[in-house]
Protein backbone atom coordinates (compact mmCIF):
# COMPACT_ATOMS: atom_id res chain seq x y z
CA UNK A 1 181.87 -112.52 18.01
CA UNK A 2 179.70 -112.17 21.11
CA UNK A 3 176.38 -113.95 21.07
CA UNK A 4 173.34 -111.73 21.46
CA UNK A 5 171.18 -113.19 24.24
CA UNK A 6 167.94 -111.72 22.89
CA UNK A 7 168.59 -113.23 19.45
CA UNK A 8 169.10 -116.64 21.08
CA UNK A 9 165.92 -116.21 23.13
CA UNK A 10 163.90 -115.29 20.04
CA UNK A 11 165.24 -118.37 18.25
CA UNK A 12 164.20 -120.43 21.26
CA UNK A 13 160.69 -119.00 21.02
CA UNK A 14 160.40 -120.05 17.38
CA UNK A 15 161.07 -123.64 18.45
CA UNK A 16 159.42 -123.88 21.87
CA UNK A 17 156.19 -122.16 20.91
CA UNK A 18 155.31 -125.10 18.66
CA UNK A 19 157.34 -127.89 20.28
CA UNK A 20 157.44 -127.26 24.03
CA UNK A 21 159.43 -130.45 24.59
CA UNK A 22 162.09 -129.64 21.98
CA UNK A 23 165.63 -130.62 22.96
CA UNK A 24 168.23 -127.98 23.68
CA UNK A 25 170.14 -129.22 20.62
CA UNK A 26 167.24 -128.10 18.41
CA UNK A 27 167.14 -124.70 20.06
CA UNK A 28 170.90 -124.26 19.66
CA UNK A 29 170.67 -125.14 15.96
CA UNK A 30 167.82 -122.65 15.47
CA UNK A 31 169.96 -119.96 17.13
CA UNK A 32 173.00 -120.88 15.03
CA UNK A 33 175.15 -121.72 18.03
CA UNK A 34 176.52 -124.84 19.67
CA UNK A 35 174.83 -126.52 22.61
CA UNK A 36 177.89 -125.65 24.70
CA UNK A 37 177.41 -121.96 23.91
CA UNK A 38 173.73 -122.22 24.74
CA UNK A 39 174.61 -123.84 28.06
CA UNK A 40 177.06 -121.06 28.86
CA UNK A 41 174.31 -118.50 28.33
CA UNK A 42 171.58 -120.45 30.12
CA UNK A 43 172.59 -123.16 32.62
CA UNK A 44 169.56 -125.32 31.95
CA UNK A 45 166.20 -125.68 30.27
CA UNK A 46 164.27 -124.07 33.13
CA UNK A 47 166.56 -121.04 33.10
CA UNK A 48 166.14 -120.70 29.33
CA UNK A 49 162.35 -120.86 29.51
CA UNK A 50 162.29 -118.36 32.36
CA UNK A 51 164.45 -115.93 30.40
CA UNK A 52 162.22 -116.26 27.35
CA UNK A 53 159.20 -115.55 29.53
CA UNK A 54 160.83 -112.49 31.04
CA UNK A 55 161.84 -111.20 27.62
CA UNK A 56 158.29 -111.70 26.36
CA UNK A 57 156.83 -109.76 29.26
CA UNK A 58 159.39 -106.98 28.88
CA UNK A 59 158.53 -106.60 25.19
CA UNK A 60 154.80 -106.54 25.90
CA UNK A 61 155.32 -103.97 28.66
CA UNK A 62 157.32 -101.87 26.20
CA UNK A 63 154.49 -102.14 23.67
CA UNK A 64 152.02 -100.89 26.27
CA UNK A 65 154.36 -98.01 27.05
CA UNK A 66 154.85 -97.09 23.39
CA UNK A 67 151.12 -97.24 22.70
CA UNK A 68 150.51 -95.02 25.77
CA UNK A 69 147.77 -97.46 26.73
CA UNK A 70 145.44 -95.97 29.29
CA UNK A 71 145.79 -92.42 28.03
CA UNK A 72 143.45 -90.50 25.75
CA UNK A 73 141.08 -92.23 23.37
CA UNK A 74 140.95 -95.93 24.20
CA UNK A 75 140.17 -97.12 20.67
CA UNK A 76 143.15 -95.22 19.28
CA UNK A 77 145.32 -96.69 22.05
CA UNK A 78 144.25 -100.23 21.09
CA UNK A 79 145.08 -99.55 17.45
CA UNK A 80 148.52 -98.26 18.45
CA UNK A 81 149.06 -101.26 20.71
CA UNK A 82 148.28 -103.67 17.88
CA UNK A 83 150.86 -102.01 15.64
CA UNK A 84 153.64 -102.23 18.20
CA UNK A 85 152.71 -105.66 19.61
CA UNK A 86 152.46 -107.55 16.31
CA UNK A 87 156.24 -107.75 15.68
CA UNK A 88 156.52 -109.66 18.98
CA UNK A 89 153.36 -111.73 18.53
CA UNK A 90 155.38 -114.95 18.71
CA UNK A 91 156.58 -113.96 22.17
CA UNK A 92 152.95 -113.49 23.20
CA UNK A 93 152.22 -116.96 21.81
CA UNK A 94 154.99 -118.36 23.99
CA UNK A 95 153.53 -116.69 27.07
CA UNK A 96 150.08 -118.04 26.26
CA UNK A 97 151.26 -121.61 25.75
CA UNK A 98 154.14 -122.29 28.15
CA UNK A 99 152.67 -123.87 31.29
CA UNK A 100 156.03 -124.04 33.04
CA UNK A 101 156.04 -120.25 33.43
CA UNK A 102 153.11 -120.43 35.82
CA UNK A 103 155.39 -122.06 38.42
CA UNK A 104 157.61 -118.97 38.57
CA UNK A 105 156.39 -116.36 41.06
CA UNK A 106 158.36 -113.49 39.50
CA UNK A 107 157.08 -114.22 36.00
CA UNK A 108 153.53 -114.52 37.35
CA UNK A 109 153.84 -111.19 39.16
CA UNK A 110 155.04 -109.44 35.99
CA UNK A 111 152.24 -111.06 33.99
CA UNK A 112 149.62 -109.81 36.44
CA UNK A 113 150.98 -106.26 36.10
CA UNK A 114 150.72 -106.30 32.30
CA UNK A 115 147.28 -107.92 32.14
CA UNK A 116 146.05 -105.38 34.70
CA UNK A 117 147.32 -102.59 32.43
CA UNK A 118 145.27 -104.08 29.60
CA UNK A 119 142.29 -104.36 31.93
CA UNK A 120 142.53 -100.65 32.77
CA UNK A 121 142.72 -99.78 29.08
CA UNK A 122 139.47 -101.58 28.29
CA UNK A 123 137.79 -100.31 31.43
CA UNK A 124 138.70 -96.77 30.35
CA UNK A 125 137.22 -97.51 26.92
CA UNK A 126 133.99 -98.68 28.51
CA UNK A 127 133.84 -95.51 30.58
CA UNK A 128 134.38 -93.48 27.41
CA UNK A 129 131.51 -95.33 25.72
CA UNK A 130 133.91 -96.94 23.20
CA UNK A 131 133.79 -100.60 24.20
CA UNK A 132 130.78 -102.78 24.90
CA UNK A 133 129.82 -102.84 28.55
CA UNK A 134 128.18 -106.27 28.46
CA UNK A 135 131.66 -107.74 27.88
CA UNK A 136 133.82 -107.41 30.98
CA UNK A 137 137.08 -105.51 30.75
CA UNK A 138 138.85 -108.57 32.17
CA UNK A 139 137.50 -110.74 29.37
CA UNK A 140 138.39 -108.17 26.70
CA UNK A 141 141.95 -108.14 28.09
CA UNK A 142 142.31 -111.92 27.89
CA UNK A 143 140.70 -112.07 24.46
CA UNK A 144 142.96 -109.36 23.08
CA UNK A 145 146.14 -111.00 24.34
CA UNK A 146 145.09 -114.44 23.08
CA UNK A 147 144.29 -112.98 19.67
CA UNK A 148 147.77 -111.46 19.42
CA UNK A 149 149.21 -114.83 20.43
CA UNK A 150 147.10 -116.58 17.78
CA UNK A 151 148.47 -114.22 15.15
CA UNK A 152 151.98 -115.20 16.25
CA UNK A 153 151.23 -118.87 15.61
CA UNK A 154 149.46 -118.10 12.32
CA UNK A 155 152.42 -116.12 11.03
CA UNK A 156 154.87 -118.83 12.05
CA UNK A 157 152.81 -121.50 10.28
CA UNK A 158 152.45 -119.40 7.14
CA UNK A 159 148.68 -119.03 7.50
CA UNK A 160 148.86 -115.25 7.81
CA UNK A 161 151.20 -112.81 6.09
CA UNK A 162 153.03 -110.55 8.57
CA UNK A 163 151.92 -107.47 6.63
CA UNK A 164 148.28 -108.46 7.18
CA UNK A 165 148.60 -109.20 10.89
CA UNK A 166 147.83 -105.78 12.40
CA UNK A 167 144.83 -105.28 10.12
CA UNK A 168 143.50 -108.77 10.90
CA UNK A 169 143.70 -108.26 14.65
CA UNK A 170 142.24 -104.77 14.56
CA UNK A 171 139.30 -105.70 12.35
CA UNK A 172 138.43 -108.88 14.18
CA UNK A 173 138.87 -107.61 17.73
CA UNK A 174 137.36 -104.17 17.36
CA UNK A 175 134.58 -105.59 15.21
CA UNK A 176 133.37 -107.44 18.27
CA UNK A 177 134.50 -105.17 21.07
CA UNK A 178 133.34 -101.74 19.93
CA UNK A 179 130.08 -100.49 21.35
CA UNK A 180 127.13 -100.39 18.99
CA UNK A 181 125.29 -97.16 19.70
CA UNK A 182 122.39 -97.99 17.43
CA UNK A 183 121.32 -101.01 19.49
CA UNK A 184 120.84 -101.64 23.18
CA UNK A 185 123.42 -103.90 24.81
CA UNK A 186 122.37 -107.52 24.86
CA UNK A 187 122.19 -109.22 28.22
CA UNK A 188 124.17 -112.43 28.70
CA UNK A 189 121.96 -115.52 28.99
CA UNK A 190 123.12 -116.15 32.58
CA UNK A 191 122.02 -112.64 33.55
CA UNK A 192 118.68 -113.11 31.78
CA UNK A 193 118.09 -116.32 33.68
CA UNK A 194 118.85 -114.55 36.95
CA UNK A 195 116.46 -111.75 36.08
CA UNK A 196 113.75 -114.24 35.14
CA UNK A 197 114.16 -116.10 38.40
CA UNK A 198 113.84 -112.96 40.48
CA UNK A 199 110.30 -112.68 41.99
């Protein structure tokens, strides 16, 4: 029976996301294949990690597509994105934690494209009056992705039930990111200091 590459890559994520230095033997066992089969699929550790990174980025790009991020109501788009991203939260965790990926120009270029798509989503939400304007769209993008990654780790460690993941992300993230119309935006302390220093 042919070995499904994506299944092997997902098994690798389950190991590498928590033990970045895990041996290829461990990864092969997690995938239910021999080390020889793993080596036929991926000629070395660097190739395996690169393929996992590319798969992770492809899945996140697909989630952004499915959620139609950047179109219509931004809050609704974020809620849709959470629903479709949660099943691949462990892949997001891998992206967030694997330093070796930063040495790959192609992976970095793909990452920049996806984080820019998130940035545009939150910028749109700020323009719509949905998200707080005292929090930069760039920071909201990073915080959102890191929260999805954190959910991936929490699910893997048994600290969060998969069925509660989407609700947990939505409540925590939107609870802090949504604009509060009843109160004026607070000014960051650094900005206050600058204003105070101005003659």
